[in-house]
Amino acid sequence: MTDSAPTTPAGPDGGPATPPRVAPWLLLYTVSRLLIAVALVAVLWLAGLGSYAGLLFGVLLSMPVSYLALRLVRDRLTEALAARSVARRTAKEDLRARLSGTGTEESA
């Protein structure tokens, strides 16, 4: 039979690998989205589209521009979130197994 439970990748020391950090990628993505929106609003204001119209169109245009320009950062963030989810699920299953007493025991 095949086991459908995700396996934890091994780290360099043979133990479970630590998932990548999410916070730096999330911060980079958020700051980049804000910078793209501010830049587009500034360009539209300098082009003569003033006040609320420039703000509205700048924010609306920043969505597809961010989607195209930040693909690599978004992919890395998604990978980090997925790896963190697998690590948390594995740790939770391990804890449940240890608490129920059915965990694997090493024999010397």
N, C-alpha and C. Protein backbone atom coordinates (compact mmCIF):
# COMPACT_ATOMS: atom_id res chain seq x y z
N MET A 1 0.84 -1.18 0.00
CA MET A 1 0.00 0.00 0.00
C MET A 1 0.87 1.24 0.00
N THR A 2 0.37 2.27 -0.59
CA THR A 2 1.11 3.53 -0.59
C THR A 2 0.59 4.43 0.50
N ASP A 3 1.49 5.17 1.08
CA ASP A 3 1.13 6.10 2.15
C ASP A 3 0.97 7.47 1.53
N SER A 4 -0.20 8.08 1.69
CA SER A 4 -0.47 9.38 1.07
C SER A 4 -0.02 10.54 1.95
N ALA A 5 0.49 10.26 3.14
CA ALA A 5 0.93 11.33 4.03
C ALA A 5 2.22 11.95 3.48
N PRO A 6 2.35 13.28 3.56
CA PRO A 6 3.56 13.92 3.06
C PRO A 6 4.76 13.54 3.91
N THR A 7 5.87 13.38 3.24
CA THR A 7 7.10 13.06 3.97
C THR A 7 7.89 14.33 4.17
N THR A 8 8.56 14.40 5.29
CA THR A 8 9.36 15.57 5.59
C THR A 8 10.72 15.43 4.91
N PRO A 9 11.15 16.42 4.13
CA PRO A 9 12.45 16.32 3.50
C PRO A 9 13.56 16.36 4.55
N ALA A 10 14.64 15.67 4.25
CA ALA A 10 15.76 15.61 5.19
C ALA A 10 16.67 16.81 5.01
N GLY A 11 17.17 17.31 6.12
CA GLY A 11 18.11 18.41 6.10
C GLY A 11 19.53 17.91 5.92
N PRO A 12 20.52 18.79 5.90
CA PRO A 12 21.90 18.39 5.70
C PRO A 12 22.44 17.48 6.81
N ASP A 13 21.89 17.60 8.01
CA ASP A 13 22.37 16.79 9.13
C ASP A 13 21.61 15.47 9.27
N GLY A 14 20.69 15.18 8.34
CA GLY A 14 19.93 13.94 8.39
C GLY A 14 18.60 14.09 9.10
N GLY A 15 18.42 15.15 9.86
CA GLY A 15 17.15 15.40 10.54
C GLY A 15 16.16 16.05 9.60
N PRO A 16 14.98 16.39 10.11
CA PRO A 16 14.00 17.04 9.24
C PRO A 16 14.48 18.42 8.82
N ALA A 17 14.22 18.75 7.57
CA ALA A 17 14.63 20.06 7.05
C ALA A 17 13.73 21.14 7.62
N THR A 18 14.31 22.28 7.89
CA THR A 18 13.51 23.40 8.37
C THR A 18 12.88 24.10 7.17
N PRO A 19 11.61 24.43 7.27
CA PRO A 19 10.97 25.11 6.14
C PRO A 19 11.54 26.50 5.96
N PRO A 20 11.49 27.02 4.73
CA PRO A 20 12.01 28.37 4.51
C PRO A 20 11.19 29.40 5.27
N ARG A 21 11.80 30.52 5.55
CA ARG A 21 11.11 31.57 6.29
C ARG A 21 10.13 32.30 5.38
N VAL A 22 8.99 32.61 5.91
CA VAL A 22 7.92 33.25 5.15
C VAL A 22 8.01 34.77 5.24
N ALA A 23 8.37 35.28 6.39
CA ALA A 23 8.33 36.73 6.64
C ALA A 23 9.14 37.56 5.65
N PRO A 24 10.38 37.19 5.30
CA PRO A 24 11.11 38.04 4.35
C PRO A 24 10.43 38.12 2.97
N TRP A 25 9.91 37.00 2.50
CA TRP A 25 9.23 37.00 1.19
C TRP A 25 7.93 37.78 1.25
N LEU A 26 7.21 37.67 2.35
CA LEU A 26 5.96 38.41 2.50
C LEU A 26 6.23 39.91 2.57
N LEU A 27 7.25 40.29 3.30
CA LEU A 27 7.62 41.70 3.41
C LEU A 27 8.07 42.25 2.05
N LEU A 28 8.90 41.50 1.34
CA LEU A 28 9.36 41.94 0.03
C LEU A 28 8.20 42.09 -0.95
N TYR A 29 7.28 41.15 -0.94
CA TYR A 29 6.13 41.21 -1.84
C TYR A 29 5.24 42.41 -1.51
N THR A 30 4.97 42.62 -0.24
CA THR A 30 4.10 43.72 0.18
C THR A 30 4.71 45.08 -0.15
N VAL A 31 5.99 45.25 0.18
CA VAL A 31 6.66 46.53 -0.10
C VAL A 31 6.75 46.77 -1.60
N SER A 32 7.01 45.71 -2.36
CA SER A 32 7.09 45.87 -3.82
C SER A 32 5.75 46.27 -4.41
N ARG A 33 4.67 45.67 -3.92
CA ARG A 33 3.33 46.04 -4.41
C ARG A 33 3.05 47.51 -4.11
N LEU A 34 3.39 47.95 -2.90
CA LEU A 34 3.15 49.35 -2.54
C LEU A 34 3.99 50.29 -3.39
N LEU A 35 5.25 49.95 -3.63
CA LEU A 35 6.12 50.80 -4.45
C LEU A 35 5.62 50.90 -5.89
N ILE A 36 5.15 49.80 -6.44
CA ILE A 36 4.60 49.83 -7.79
C ILE A 36 3.38 50.73 -7.85
N ALA A 37 2.50 50.64 -6.86
CA ALA A 37 1.30 51.48 -6.83
C ALA A 37 1.67 52.95 -6.70
N VAL A 38 2.60 53.27 -5.81
CA VAL A 38 3.03 54.67 -5.63
C VAL A 38 3.67 55.20 -6.91
N ALA A 39 4.49 54.40 -7.56
CA ALA A 39 5.14 54.85 -8.79
C ALA A 39 4.13 55.12 -9.89
N LEU A 40 3.15 54.23 -10.04
CA LEU A 40 2.14 54.44 -11.08
C LEU A 40 1.27 55.66 -10.78
N VAL A 41 0.91 55.86 -9.54
CA VAL A 41 0.12 57.05 -9.17
C VAL A 41 0.93 58.31 -9.47
N ALA A 42 2.21 58.31 -9.14
CA ALA A 42 3.05 59.48 -9.40
C ALA A 42 3.18 59.75 -10.89
N VAL A 43 3.35 58.69 -11.68
CA VAL A 43 3.45 58.87 -13.13
C VAL A 43 2.14 59.44 -13.69
N LEU A 44 1.02 58.94 -13.23
CA LEU A 44 -0.26 59.47 -13.72
C LEU A 44 -0.50 60.91 -13.28
N TRP A 45 -0.08 61.25 -12.08
CA TRP A 45 -0.24 62.64 -11.63
C TRP A 45 0.66 63.56 -12.45
N LEU A 46 1.88 63.10 -12.75
CA LEU A 46 2.78 63.93 -13.56
C LEU A 46 2.29 64.04 -15.00
N ALA A 47 1.56 63.04 -15.45
CA ALA A 47 1.02 63.06 -16.82
C ALA A 47 -0.22 63.95 -16.92
N GLY A 48 -0.71 64.47 -15.80
CA GLY A 48 -1.82 65.40 -15.84
C GLY A 48 -3.14 64.83 -15.37
N LEU A 49 -3.18 63.56 -15.00
CA LEU A 49 -4.41 62.98 -14.48
C LEU A 49 -4.39 63.22 -12.98
N GLY A 50 -5.12 64.22 -12.51
CA GLY A 50 -4.97 64.66 -11.15
C GLY A 50 -5.87 63.98 -10.14
N SER A 51 -5.54 64.25 -8.91
CA SER A 51 -6.35 63.95 -7.74
C SER A 51 -6.84 62.51 -7.66
N TYR A 52 -8.15 62.35 -7.47
CA TYR A 52 -8.71 61.02 -7.22
C TYR A 52 -8.65 60.11 -8.43
N ALA A 53 -8.82 60.68 -9.62
CA ALA A 53 -8.76 59.86 -10.84
C ALA A 53 -7.38 59.24 -11.00
N GLY A 54 -6.33 60.01 -10.77
CA GLY A 54 -4.97 59.49 -10.86
C GLY A 54 -4.70 58.43 -9.81
N LEU A 55 -5.21 58.68 -8.62
CA LEU A 55 -5.05 57.70 -7.54
C LEU A 55 -5.79 56.40 -7.86
N LEU A 56 -7.02 56.52 -8.32
CA LEU A 56 -7.82 55.34 -8.64
C LEU A 56 -7.20 54.54 -9.78
N PHE A 57 -6.86 55.20 -10.88
CA PHE A 57 -6.28 54.48 -12.01
C PHE A 57 -4.89 53.93 -11.68
N GLY A 58 -4.13 54.64 -10.88
CA GLY A 58 -2.82 54.13 -10.47
C GLY A 58 -2.92 52.85 -9.67
N VAL A 59 -3.85 52.83 -8.73
CA VAL A 59 -4.04 51.63 -7.91
C VAL A 59 -4.58 50.48 -8.75
N LEU A 60 -5.52 50.78 -9.64
CA LEU A 60 -6.08 49.74 -10.50
C LEU A 60 -5.04 49.18 -11.47
N LEU A 61 -4.21 50.05 -12.02
CA LEU A 61 -3.16 49.58 -12.93
C LEU A 61 -2.05 48.82 -12.21
N SER A 62 -1.88 49.11 -10.93
CA SER A 62 -0.81 48.43 -10.19
C SER A 62 -1.08 46.94 -10.00
N MET A 63 -2.36 46.55 -10.04
CA MET A 63 -2.69 45.12 -9.85
C MET A 63 -2.12 44.24 -10.96
N PRO A 64 -2.42 44.50 -12.24
CA PRO A 64 -1.83 43.63 -13.27
C PRO A 64 -0.32 43.80 -13.40
N VAL A 65 0.18 45.01 -13.18
CA VAL A 65 1.62 45.22 -13.25
C VAL A 65 2.32 44.41 -12.16
N SER A 66 1.79 44.43 -10.95
CA SER A 66 2.37 43.65 -9.86
C SER A 66 2.26 42.15 -10.14
N TYR A 67 1.15 41.74 -10.72
CA TYR A 67 0.97 40.32 -11.04
C TYR A 67 2.05 39.84 -12.01
N LEU A 68 2.37 40.66 -12.99
CA LEU A 68 3.39 40.28 -13.97
C LEU A 68 4.81 40.48 -13.44
N ALA A 69 5.05 41.57 -12.76
CA ALA A 69 6.41 41.91 -12.35
C ALA A 69 6.89 41.13 -11.13
N LEU A 70 5.99 40.70 -10.28
CA LEU A 70 6.39 40.06 -9.02
C LEU A 70 6.14 38.56 -9.02
N ARG A 71 6.15 37.94 -10.19
CA ARG A 71 5.86 36.52 -10.28
C ARG A 71 6.85 35.68 -9.49
N LEU A 72 8.14 35.96 -9.61
CA LEU A 72 9.15 35.16 -8.92
C LEU A 72 9.02 35.27 -7.40
N VAL A 73 8.79 36.48 -6.92
CA VAL A 73 8.63 36.68 -5.47
C VAL A 73 7.38 35.97 -4.98
N ARG A 74 6.30 36.06 -5.74
CA ARG A 74 5.04 35.40 -5.36
C ARG A 74 5.21 33.88 -5.35
N ASP A 75 5.95 33.35 -6.32
CA ASP A 75 6.20 31.90 -6.36
C ASP A 75 7.02 31.45 -5.15
N ARG A 76 8.04 32.21 -4.80
CA ARG A 76 8.85 31.87 -3.62
C ARG A 76 8.03 31.93 -2.34
N LEU A 77 7.17 32.92 -2.24
CA LEU A 77 6.30 33.05 -1.07
C LEU A 77 5.35 31.86 -0.99
N THR A 78 4.79 31.46 -2.11
CA THR A 78 3.89 30.30 -2.13
C THR A 78 4.62 29.03 -1.73
N GLU A 79 5.83 28.84 -2.24
CA GLU A 79 6.63 27.67 -1.87
C GLU A 79 6.93 27.65 -0.37
N ALA A 80 7.28 28.80 0.17
CA ALA A 80 7.59 28.87 1.60
C ALA A 80 6.35 28.56 2.43
N LEU A 81 5.20 29.08 2.02
CA LEU A 81 3.96 28.79 2.76
C LEU A 81 3.59 27.31 2.67
N ALA A 82 3.78 26.71 1.51
CA ALA A 82 3.47 25.29 1.34
C ALA A 82 4.41 24.42 2.17
N ALA A 83 5.70 24.75 2.17
CA ALA A 83 6.66 23.98 2.96
C ALA A 83 6.38 24.11 4.45
N ARG A 84 6.00 25.29 4.86
CA ARG A 84 5.66 25.50 6.26
C ARG A 84 4.42 24.70 6.65
N SER A 85 3.45 24.63 5.75
CA SER A 85 2.24 23.87 6.01
C SER A 85 2.56 22.38 6.16
N VAL A 86 3.40 21.85 5.28
CA VAL A 86 3.78 20.44 5.36
C VAL A 86 4.53 20.17 6.67
N ALA A 87 5.43 21.07 7.03
CA ALA A 87 6.19 20.88 8.27
C ALA A 87 5.28 20.92 9.49
N ARG A 88 4.32 21.83 9.51
CA ARG A 88 3.39 21.90 10.64
C ARG A 88 2.50 20.67 10.71
N ARG A 89 2.03 20.19 9.56
CA ARG A 89 1.19 19.00 9.53
C ARG A 89 1.97 17.78 10.02
N THR A 90 3.22 17.66 9.58
CA THR A 90 4.06 16.53 9.99
C THR A 90 4.33 16.59 11.49
N ALA A 91 4.63 17.78 12.01
CA ALA A 91 4.88 17.92 13.44
C ALA A 91 3.63 17.60 14.25
N LYS A 92 2.48 18.00 13.74
CA LYS A 92 1.22 17.72 14.43
C LYS A 92 0.94 16.22 14.46
N GLU A 93 1.16 15.54 13.32
CA GLU A 93 0.95 14.10 13.27
C GLU A 93 1.93 13.38 14.20
N ASP A 94 3.17 13.85 14.24
CA ASP A 94 4.18 13.25 15.12
C ASP A 94 3.78 13.42 16.58
N LEU A 95 3.31 14.60 16.93
CA LEU A 95 2.88 14.84 18.31
C LEU A 95 1.69 13.96 18.67
N ARG A 96 0.73 13.85 17.77
CA ARG A 96 -0.42 12.98 18.04
C ARG A 96 0.01 11.53 18.22
N ALA A 97 0.95 11.08 17.39
CA ALA A 97 1.43 9.70 17.50
C ALA A 97 2.16 9.49 18.83
N ARG A 98 2.96 10.46 19.24
CA ARG A 98 3.67 10.32 20.51
C ARG A 98 2.71 10.36 21.70
N LEU A 99 1.68 11.20 21.62
CA LEU A 99 0.72 11.29 22.72
C LEU A 99 -0.14 10.04 22.83
N SER A 100 -0.43 9.42 21.70
CA SER A 100 -1.26 8.20 21.75
C SER A 100 -0.42 6.96 22.04
N GLY A 101 0.89 7.10 21.99
CA GLY A 101 1.76 5.97 22.28
C GLY A 101 1.98 5.03 21.11
N THR A 102 1.59 5.44 19.92
CA THR A 102 1.78 4.59 18.76
C THR A 102 2.93 5.04 17.89
N GLY A 103 3.74 5.96 18.37
CA GLY A 103 4.87 6.46 17.60
C GLY A 103 5.93 5.42 17.44
N THR A 104 6.82 5.65 16.52
CA THR A 104 7.89 4.69 16.29
C THR A 104 8.90 4.81 17.42
N GLU A 105 9.27 3.68 17.95
CA GLU A 105 10.24 3.67 19.04
C GLU A 105 11.52 3.04 18.54
N GLU A 106 12.62 3.66 18.86
CA GLU A 106 13.92 3.15 18.44
C GLU A 106 14.35 2.06 19.40
N SER A 107 14.84 0.97 18.86
CA SER A 107 15.37 -0.08 19.71
C SER A 107 16.88 -0.12 19.57
N ALA A 108 17.56 -0.22 20.69
CA ALA A 108 19.02 -0.16 20.66
C ALA A 108 19.62 -1.52 20.54
